[in-house]
Amino acid sequence: MIHMSGRALAWGACAVAVIIALAFIAVYGFGTFRKETAEFRGDVAQNERVTADPNYRIAAHDRFYDLCAAIQSREASITAQRAELDATDDPARAGQLRQNLTALEASRASAINQYNADARKEGTRAEFRASDLPAEIPQEGPTRCDAS
């Protein structure tokens, strides 16, 4: 009887040791595996998101056209505000127009910065900038929404 309980105790100890070893392998082994494959899995996920997702591709492509058009719209507003400023004799209106111009110029600069930042995003959004759009938009001068 004692011999049998010693054997049962030994098997129980082995079972506990196996469970502890499996738990150790599960926590550290799979954790290490996940850590070691994180870059690969991230690259695959990025590729799936950027290249395989048609909604992303269309949105990224359209975004460049939308940003370029928004910049041109702000430039048209700046031109109109300057013309009105040149034509007004009312000091209060002139002050208001100068404030509007400052806001429009800042908004234009921000949109240009966003366009240029998106155009530099290799591996993501920049891949979908249409070839007929400029690679970068300069802060000075009128904006052209074509490659020339």
N, C-alpha and C. Protein backbone atom coordinates (compact mmCIF):
# COMPACT_ATOMS: atom_id res chain seq x y z
N MET A 1 0.82 -1.18 0.00
CA MET A 1 0.00 0.00 0.00
C MET A 1 0.87 1.25 0.00
N ILE A 2 1.90 1.24 0.83
CA ILE A 2 2.79 2.39 0.89
C ILE A 2 3.52 2.54 -0.43
N HIS A 3 3.89 1.42 -0.99
CA HIS A 3 4.58 1.45 -2.28
C HIS A 3 3.69 2.07 -3.36
N MET A 4 2.43 1.75 -3.34
CA MET A 4 1.48 2.28 -4.32
C MET A 4 1.29 3.77 -4.12
N SER A 5 1.20 4.24 -2.91
CA SER A 5 0.99 5.67 -2.69
C SER A 5 2.26 6.45 -3.03
N GLY A 6 3.42 5.85 -2.85
CA GLY A 6 4.66 6.50 -3.26
C GLY A 6 4.71 6.67 -4.77
N ARG A 7 4.24 5.65 -5.48
CA ARG A 7 4.20 5.72 -6.93
C ARG A 7 3.20 6.79 -7.39
N ALA A 8 2.05 6.83 -6.74
CA ALA A 8 1.03 7.82 -7.06
C ALA A 8 1.54 9.23 -6.77
N LEU A 9 2.28 9.35 -5.67
CA LEU A 9 2.86 10.63 -5.31
C LEU A 9 3.91 11.05 -6.36
N ALA A 10 4.69 10.12 -6.82
CA ALA A 10 5.70 10.41 -7.84
C ALA A 10 5.03 10.83 -9.15
N TRP A 11 3.98 10.10 -9.54
CA TRP A 11 3.25 10.49 -10.76
C TRP A 11 2.60 11.86 -10.59
N GLY A 12 2.07 12.13 -9.43
CA GLY A 12 1.47 13.44 -9.16
C GLY A 12 2.50 14.55 -9.26
N ALA A 13 3.68 14.31 -8.69
CA ALA A 13 4.76 15.30 -8.75
C ALA A 13 5.19 15.52 -10.20
N CYS A 14 5.26 14.44 -10.95
CA CYS A 14 5.62 14.56 -12.38
C CYS A 14 4.56 15.36 -13.13
N ALA A 15 3.30 15.08 -12.82
CA ALA A 15 2.21 15.80 -13.49
C ALA A 15 2.27 17.28 -13.16
N VAL A 16 2.52 17.61 -11.90
CA VAL A 16 2.65 19.02 -11.50
C VAL A 16 3.84 19.65 -12.22
N ALA A 17 4.95 18.94 -12.31
CA ALA A 17 6.15 19.46 -12.98
C ALA A 17 5.87 19.69 -14.48
N VAL A 18 5.14 18.77 -15.09
CA VAL A 18 4.79 18.92 -16.50
C VAL A 18 3.87 20.13 -16.69
N ILE A 19 2.91 20.29 -15.81
CA ILE A 19 1.99 21.43 -15.89
C ILE A 19 2.76 22.74 -15.73
N ILE A 20 3.67 22.79 -14.77
CA ILE A 20 4.49 24.00 -14.58
C ILE A 20 5.35 24.25 -15.80
N ALA A 21 5.96 23.21 -16.35
CA ALA A 21 6.80 23.37 -17.54
C ALA A 21 5.97 23.86 -18.73
N LEU A 22 4.78 23.29 -18.90
CA LEU A 22 3.91 23.74 -20.01
C LEU A 22 3.47 25.19 -19.81
N ALA A 23 3.18 25.56 -18.58
CA ALA A 23 2.80 26.94 -18.30
C ALA A 23 3.97 27.87 -18.61
N PHE A 24 5.17 27.49 -18.21
CA PHE A 24 6.37 28.27 -18.49
C PHE A 24 6.57 28.43 -19.99
N ILE A 25 6.43 27.33 -20.71
CA ILE A 25 6.57 27.37 -22.18
C ILE A 25 5.49 28.25 -22.79
N ALA A 26 4.27 28.13 -22.30
CA ALA A 26 3.17 28.93 -22.84
C ALA A 26 3.42 30.41 -22.63
N VAL A 27 3.83 30.78 -21.44
CA VAL A 27 4.03 32.20 -21.14
C VAL A 27 5.27 32.74 -21.83
N TYR A 28 6.39 32.08 -21.63
CA TYR A 28 7.65 32.63 -22.14
C TYR A 28 7.94 32.20 -23.57
N GLY A 29 7.61 30.99 -23.90
CA GLY A 29 7.88 30.51 -25.26
C GLY A 29 7.04 31.22 -26.30
N PHE A 30 5.73 31.26 -26.07
CA PHE A 30 4.85 31.92 -27.04
C PHE A 30 5.06 33.43 -27.01
N GLY A 31 5.36 33.98 -25.82
CA GLY A 31 5.66 35.41 -25.72
C GLY A 31 6.90 35.76 -26.54
N THR A 32 7.92 34.94 -26.43
CA THR A 32 9.15 35.15 -27.21
C THR A 32 8.85 35.00 -28.69
N PHE A 33 8.06 34.01 -29.05
CA PHE A 33 7.70 33.82 -30.45
C PHE A 33 6.97 35.04 -30.99
N ARG A 34 6.00 35.55 -30.21
CA ARG A 34 5.26 36.74 -30.64
C ARG A 34 6.19 37.94 -30.78
N LYS A 35 7.11 38.07 -29.83
CA LYS A 35 8.06 39.18 -29.87
C LYS A 35 8.96 39.07 -31.10
N GLU A 36 9.45 37.89 -31.36
CA GLU A 36 10.37 37.69 -32.48
C GLU A 36 9.69 37.86 -33.84
N THR A 37 8.40 37.59 -33.90
CA THR A 37 7.69 37.70 -35.18
C THR A 37 6.88 38.98 -35.31
N ALA A 38 6.99 39.88 -34.34
CA ALA A 38 6.18 41.10 -34.33
C ALA A 38 6.43 41.95 -35.58
N GLU A 39 7.68 42.13 -35.95
CA GLU A 39 7.98 42.97 -37.12
C GLU A 39 7.39 42.36 -38.39
N PHE A 40 7.57 41.07 -38.56
CA PHE A 40 7.01 40.39 -39.73
C PHE A 40 5.50 40.52 -39.76
N ARG A 41 4.85 40.23 -38.61
CA ARG A 41 3.40 40.32 -38.56
C ARG A 41 2.92 41.75 -38.81
N GLY A 42 3.67 42.73 -38.29
CA GLY A 42 3.33 44.13 -38.52
C GLY A 42 3.44 44.52 -39.98
N ASP A 43 4.51 44.05 -40.63
CA ASP A 43 4.68 44.33 -42.06
C ASP A 43 3.55 43.73 -42.89
N VAL A 44 3.17 42.51 -42.54
CA VAL A 44 2.07 41.86 -43.26
C VAL A 44 0.77 42.63 -43.04
N ALA A 45 0.52 43.02 -41.80
CA ALA A 45 -0.71 43.77 -41.50
C ALA A 45 -0.73 45.11 -42.22
N GLN A 46 0.43 45.80 -42.25
CA GLN A 46 0.51 47.08 -42.96
C GLN A 46 0.26 46.87 -44.45
N ASN A 47 0.86 45.85 -45.01
CA ASN A 47 0.68 45.57 -46.43
C ASN A 47 -0.78 45.26 -46.74
N GLU A 48 -1.41 44.48 -45.89
CA GLU A 48 -2.83 44.17 -46.08
C GLU A 48 -3.67 45.44 -46.01
N ARG A 49 -3.38 46.29 -45.04
CA ARG A 49 -4.16 47.52 -44.84
C ARG A 49 -3.96 48.49 -46.00
N VAL A 50 -2.71 48.64 -46.43
CA VAL A 50 -2.39 49.65 -47.43
C VAL A 50 -2.66 49.16 -48.85
N THR A 51 -2.19 47.99 -49.17
CA THR A 51 -2.25 47.53 -50.55
C THR A 51 -3.53 46.78 -50.88
N ALA A 52 -4.01 45.98 -49.97
CA ALA A 52 -5.15 45.11 -50.28
C ALA A 52 -6.50 45.75 -49.99
N ASP A 53 -6.55 46.80 -49.20
CA ASP A 53 -7.83 47.41 -48.83
C ASP A 53 -8.23 48.45 -49.87
N PRO A 54 -9.23 48.16 -50.69
CA PRO A 54 -9.60 49.11 -51.75
C PRO A 54 -10.13 50.43 -51.19
N ASN A 55 -10.78 50.40 -50.05
CA ASN A 55 -11.28 51.64 -49.46
C ASN A 55 -10.14 52.56 -49.06
N TYR A 56 -9.08 51.98 -48.49
CA TYR A 56 -7.91 52.77 -48.12
C TYR A 56 -7.26 53.37 -49.37
N ARG A 57 -7.10 52.55 -50.39
CA ARG A 57 -6.46 53.01 -51.62
C ARG A 57 -7.22 54.18 -52.24
N ILE A 58 -8.53 54.05 -52.33
CA ILE A 58 -9.35 55.10 -52.93
C ILE A 58 -9.29 56.36 -52.07
N ALA A 59 -9.42 56.20 -50.75
CA ALA A 59 -9.40 57.37 -49.86
C ALA A 59 -8.05 58.08 -49.92
N ALA A 60 -6.96 57.32 -49.96
CA ALA A 60 -5.64 57.94 -50.03
C ALA A 60 -5.45 58.66 -51.36
N HIS A 61 -5.90 58.06 -52.44
CA HIS A 61 -5.80 58.67 -53.76
C HIS A 61 -6.61 59.96 -53.81
N ASP A 62 -7.84 59.90 -53.33
CA ASP A 62 -8.71 61.08 -53.35
C ASP A 62 -8.21 62.18 -52.42
N ARG A 63 -7.57 61.80 -51.33
CA ARG A 63 -7.10 62.79 -50.36
C ARG A 63 -6.14 63.80 -51.00
N PHE A 64 -5.26 63.33 -51.87
CA PHE A 64 -4.32 64.25 -52.51
C PHE A 64 -5.06 65.26 -53.40
N TYR A 65 -6.03 64.78 -54.16
CA TYR A 65 -6.82 65.70 -54.99
C TYR A 65 -7.59 66.69 -54.12
N ASP A 66 -8.17 66.18 -53.03
CA ASP A 66 -8.95 67.04 -52.14
C ASP A 66 -8.08 68.11 -51.49
N LEU A 67 -6.90 67.71 -51.01
CA LEU A 67 -6.00 68.68 -50.39
C LEU A 67 -5.54 69.73 -51.39
N CYS A 68 -5.20 69.30 -52.59
CA CYS A 68 -4.74 70.24 -53.61
C CYS A 68 -5.86 71.22 -53.97
N ALA A 69 -7.06 70.72 -54.13
CA ALA A 69 -8.21 71.59 -54.45
C ALA A 69 -8.49 72.56 -53.30
N ALA A 70 -8.35 72.09 -52.06
CA ALA A 70 -8.58 72.96 -50.90
C ALA A 70 -7.54 74.09 -50.87
N ILE A 71 -6.32 73.77 -51.22
CA ILE A 71 -5.27 74.80 -51.26
C ILE A 71 -5.61 75.83 -52.32
N GLN A 72 -6.03 75.37 -53.49
CA GLN A 72 -6.40 76.30 -54.56
C GLN A 72 -7.60 77.16 -54.16
N SER A 73 -8.55 76.57 -53.45
CA SER A 73 -9.72 77.34 -52.98
C SER A 73 -9.29 78.43 -52.01
N ARG A 74 -8.38 78.11 -51.12
CA ARG A 74 -7.89 79.12 -50.18
C ARG A 74 -7.15 80.23 -50.93
N GLU A 75 -6.41 79.86 -51.95
CA GLU A 75 -5.70 80.88 -52.74
C GLU A 75 -6.69 81.79 -53.45
N ALA A 76 -7.78 81.25 -53.95
CA ALA A 76 -8.80 82.07 -54.59
C ALA A 76 -9.44 83.02 -53.57
N SER A 77 -9.68 82.52 -52.37
CA SER A 77 -10.24 83.37 -51.31
C SER A 77 -9.26 84.47 -50.92
N ILE A 78 -7.98 84.14 -50.85
CA ILE A 78 -6.95 85.13 -50.53
C ILE A 78 -6.94 86.22 -51.59
N THR A 79 -7.01 85.83 -52.86
CA THR A 79 -7.02 86.80 -53.96
C THR A 79 -8.23 87.71 -53.85
N ALA A 80 -9.39 87.14 -53.58
CA ALA A 80 -10.62 87.93 -53.46
C ALA A 80 -10.55 88.88 -52.26
N GLN A 81 -10.03 88.40 -51.15
CA GLN A 81 -9.93 89.24 -49.96
C GLN A 81 -8.93 90.40 -50.19
N ARG A 82 -7.84 90.11 -50.87
CA ARG A 82 -6.86 91.17 -51.17
C ARG A 82 -7.46 92.23 -52.09
N ALA A 83 -8.22 91.78 -53.08
CA ALA A 83 -8.86 92.73 -53.99
C ALA A 83 -9.84 93.62 -53.23
N GLU A 84 -10.60 93.00 -52.33
CA GLU A 84 -11.54 93.80 -51.55
C GLU A 84 -10.80 94.75 -50.61
N LEU A 85 -9.69 94.30 -50.03
CA LEU A 85 -8.90 95.15 -49.15
C LEU A 85 -8.36 96.36 -49.92
N ASP A 86 -7.88 96.13 -51.14
CA ASP A 86 -7.36 97.23 -51.96
C ASP A 86 -8.45 98.23 -52.32
N ALA A 87 -9.69 97.76 -52.40
CA ALA A 87 -10.79 98.62 -52.84
C ALA A 87 -11.52 99.33 -51.70
N THR A 88 -11.29 98.93 -50.47
CA THR A 88 -12.08 99.50 -49.37
C THR A 88 -11.44 100.77 -48.80
N ASP A 89 -12.31 101.68 -48.38
CA ASP A 89 -11.86 102.89 -47.69
C ASP A 89 -12.25 102.84 -46.21
N ASP A 90 -12.98 101.82 -45.84
CA ASP A 90 -13.48 101.68 -44.47
C ASP A 90 -12.39 101.03 -43.61
N PRO A 91 -11.85 101.75 -42.61
CA PRO A 91 -10.78 101.18 -41.78
C PRO A 91 -11.22 99.93 -41.01
N ALA A 92 -12.47 99.91 -40.55
CA ALA A 92 -12.96 98.73 -39.82
C ALA A 92 -13.01 97.52 -40.74
N ARG A 93 -13.51 97.73 -41.94
CA ARG A 93 -13.58 96.62 -42.92
C ARG A 93 -12.17 96.19 -43.31
N ALA A 94 -11.25 97.14 -43.47
CA ALA A 94 -9.87 96.80 -43.82
C ALA A 94 -9.24 95.93 -42.73
N GLY A 95 -9.51 96.26 -41.47
CA GLY A 95 -8.99 95.45 -40.37
C GLY A 95 -9.55 94.04 -40.39
N GLN A 96 -10.84 93.95 -40.67
CA GLN A 96 -11.48 92.63 -40.75
C GLN A 96 -10.89 91.82 -41.91
N LEU A 97 -10.67 92.47 -43.04
CA LEU A 97 -10.11 91.78 -44.21
C LEU A 97 -8.68 91.30 -43.93
N ARG A 98 -7.89 92.11 -43.22
CA ARG A 98 -6.53 91.70 -42.88
C ARG A 98 -6.56 90.47 -41.95
N GLN A 99 -7.51 90.45 -41.02
CA GLN A 99 -7.65 89.28 -40.16
C GLN A 99 -8.03 88.04 -40.98
N ASN A 100 -8.96 88.24 -41.90
CA ASN A 100 -9.37 87.12 -42.77
C ASN A 100 -8.18 86.61 -43.58
N LEU A 101 -7.39 87.53 -44.10
CA LEU A 101 -6.22 87.14 -44.90
C LEU A 101 -5.22 86.35 -44.07
N THR A 102 -5.00 86.79 -42.85
CA THR A 102 -4.08 86.08 -41.97
C THR A 102 -4.57 84.65 -41.73
N ALA A 103 -5.85 84.50 -41.45
CA ALA A 103 -6.41 83.17 -41.22
C ALA A 103 -6.35 82.31 -42.47
N LEU A 104 -6.67 82.88 -43.61
CA LEU A 104 -6.63 82.12 -44.87
C LEU A 104 -5.20 81.69 -45.22
N GLU A 105 -4.24 82.58 -45.01
CA GLU A 105 -2.85 82.25 -45.32
C GLU A 105 -2.34 81.15 -44.39
N ALA A 106 -2.72 81.21 -43.12
CA ALA A 106 -2.32 80.16 -42.18
C ALA A 106 -2.97 78.83 -42.54
N SER A 107 -4.23 78.88 -42.93
CA SER A 107 -4.95 77.66 -43.32
C SER A 107 -4.34 77.06 -44.59
N ARG A 108 -3.98 77.91 -45.52
CA ARG A 108 -3.33 77.46 -46.77
C ARG A 108 -2.00 76.78 -46.45
N ALA A 109 -1.20 77.43 -45.60
CA ALA A 109 0.10 76.87 -45.23
C ALA A 109 -0.07 75.51 -44.55
N SER A 110 -1.07 75.40 -43.69
CA SER A 110 -1.34 74.13 -43.01
C SER A 110 -1.73 73.04 -44.00
N ALA A 111 -2.58 73.37 -44.95
CA ALA A 111 -2.99 72.38 -45.96
C ALA A 111 -1.82 71.96 -46.84
N ILE A 112 -0.94 72.90 -47.17
CA ILE A 112 0.25 72.56 -47.96
C ILE A 112 1.16 71.64 -47.15
N ASN A 113 1.36 71.96 -45.88
CA ASN A 113 2.18 71.10 -45.03
C ASN A 113 1.61 69.69 -44.94
N GLN A 114 0.28 69.58 -44.84
CA GLN A 114 -0.35 68.26 -44.77
C GLN A 114 -0.17 67.50 -46.07
N TYR A 115 -0.36 68.17 -47.21
CA TYR A 115 -0.17 67.54 -48.51
C TYR A 115 1.26 67.01 -48.62
N ASN A 116 2.23 67.86 -48.28
CA ASN A 116 3.64 67.47 -48.41
C ASN A 116 3.99 66.34 -47.44
N ALA A 117 3.45 66.38 -46.24
CA ALA A 117 3.70 65.29 -45.29
C ALA A 117 3.12 63.98 -45.80
N ASP A 118 1.90 64.02 -46.32
CA ASP A 118 1.29 62.81 -46.88
C ASP A 118 2.08 62.29 -48.08
N ALA A 119 2.61 63.21 -48.88
CA ALA A 119 3.36 62.81 -50.07
C ALA A 119 4.68 62.14 -49.71
N ARG A 120 5.16 62.36 -48.49
CA ARG A 120 6.42 61.74 -48.05
C ARG A 120 6.20 60.43 -47.29
N LYS A 121 4.99 60.00 -47.10
CA LYS A 121 4.70 58.80 -46.31
C LYS A 121 4.91 57.54 -47.15
N GLU A 122 6.17 57.15 -47.24
CA GLU A 122 6.52 55.97 -48.03
C GLU A 122 5.89 54.73 -47.41
N GLY A 123 5.42 53.85 -48.25
CA GLY A 123 4.85 52.61 -47.77
C GLY A 123 3.41 52.72 -47.34
N THR A 124 2.87 53.92 -47.32
CA THR A 124 1.45 54.07 -46.97
C THR A 124 0.79 55.01 -47.96
N ARG A 125 0.35 56.17 -47.48
CA ARG A 125 -0.48 57.07 -48.27
C ARG A 125 0.22 57.56 -49.55
N ALA A 126 1.51 57.85 -49.49
CA ALA A 126 2.21 58.43 -50.64
C ALA A 126 2.16 57.54 -51.87
N GLU A 127 2.00 56.26 -51.68
CA GLU A 127 1.95 55.34 -52.82
C GLU A 127 0.77 55.61 -53.74
N PHE A 128 -0.23 56.32 -53.24
CA PHE A 128 -1.45 56.50 -54.01
C PHE A 128 -1.64 57.93 -54.51
N ARG A 129 -0.58 58.76 -54.42
CA ARG A 129 -0.66 60.10 -55.02
C ARG A 129 -0.62 59.91 -56.52
N ALA A 130 -1.58 60.49 -57.20
CA ALA A 130 -1.67 60.34 -58.66
C ALA A 130 -0.47 61.00 -59.33
N SER A 131 -0.03 60.43 -60.42
CA SER A 131 1.15 60.96 -61.11
C SER A 131 0.91 62.34 -61.72
N ASP A 132 -0.35 62.74 -61.89
CA ASP A 132 -0.61 64.07 -62.44
C ASP A 132 -0.66 65.15 -61.36
N LEU A 133 -0.42 64.77 -60.10
CA LEU A 133 -0.34 65.74 -59.01
C LEU A 133 1.13 66.01 -58.67
N PRO A 134 1.42 67.21 -58.15
CA PRO A 134 2.83 67.49 -57.83
C PRO A 134 3.33 66.61 -56.68
N ALA A 135 4.62 66.31 -56.72
CA ALA A 135 5.23 65.52 -55.66
C ALA A 135 5.25 66.32 -54.36
N GLU A 136 5.39 67.63 -54.48
CA GLU A 136 5.39 68.52 -53.32
C GLU A 136 4.85 69.86 -53.77
N ILE A 137 4.18 70.56 -52.88
CA ILE A 137 3.63 71.88 -53.19
C ILE A 137 4.46 72.91 -52.44
N PRO A 138 5.03 73.89 -53.14
CA PRO A 138 5.80 74.93 -52.45
C PRO A 138 4.88 75.91 -51.71
N GLN A 139 5.40 76.52 -50.66
CA GLN A 139 4.62 77.49 -49.89
C GLN A 139 4.43 78.79 -50.68
N GLU A 140 5.39 79.12 -51.53
CA GLU A 140 5.29 80.36 -52.31
C GLU A 140 4.71 80.08 -53.69
N GLY A 141 4.00 81.06 -54.20
CA GLY A 141 3.45 80.97 -55.54
C GLY A 141 2.14 80.23 -55.57
N PRO A 142 1.47 80.31 -56.73
CA PRO A 142 0.18 79.63 -56.87
C PRO A 142 0.35 78.12 -56.96
N THR A 143 -0.64 77.43 -56.48
CA THR A 143 -0.61 75.96 -56.48
C THR A 143 -1.18 75.44 -57.77
N ARG A 144 -0.46 74.49 -58.35
CA ARG A 144 -0.95 73.80 -59.55
C ARG A 144 -1.25 72.37 -59.16
N CYS A 145 -2.40 71.91 -59.51
CA CYS A 145 -2.78 70.53 -59.19
C CYS A 145 -2.55 69.62 -60.37
N ASP A 146 -1.36 69.76 -60.93
CA ASP A 146 -0.89 68.85 -61.97
C ASP A 146 0.62 68.75 -61.83
N ALA A 147 1.22 67.82 -62.48
CA ALA A 147 2.64 67.54 -62.29
C ALA A 147 3.56 68.60 -62.88
N SER A 148 3.05 69.48 -63.71
CA SER A 148 3.96 70.45 -64.35
C SER A 148 4.33 71.58 -63.45
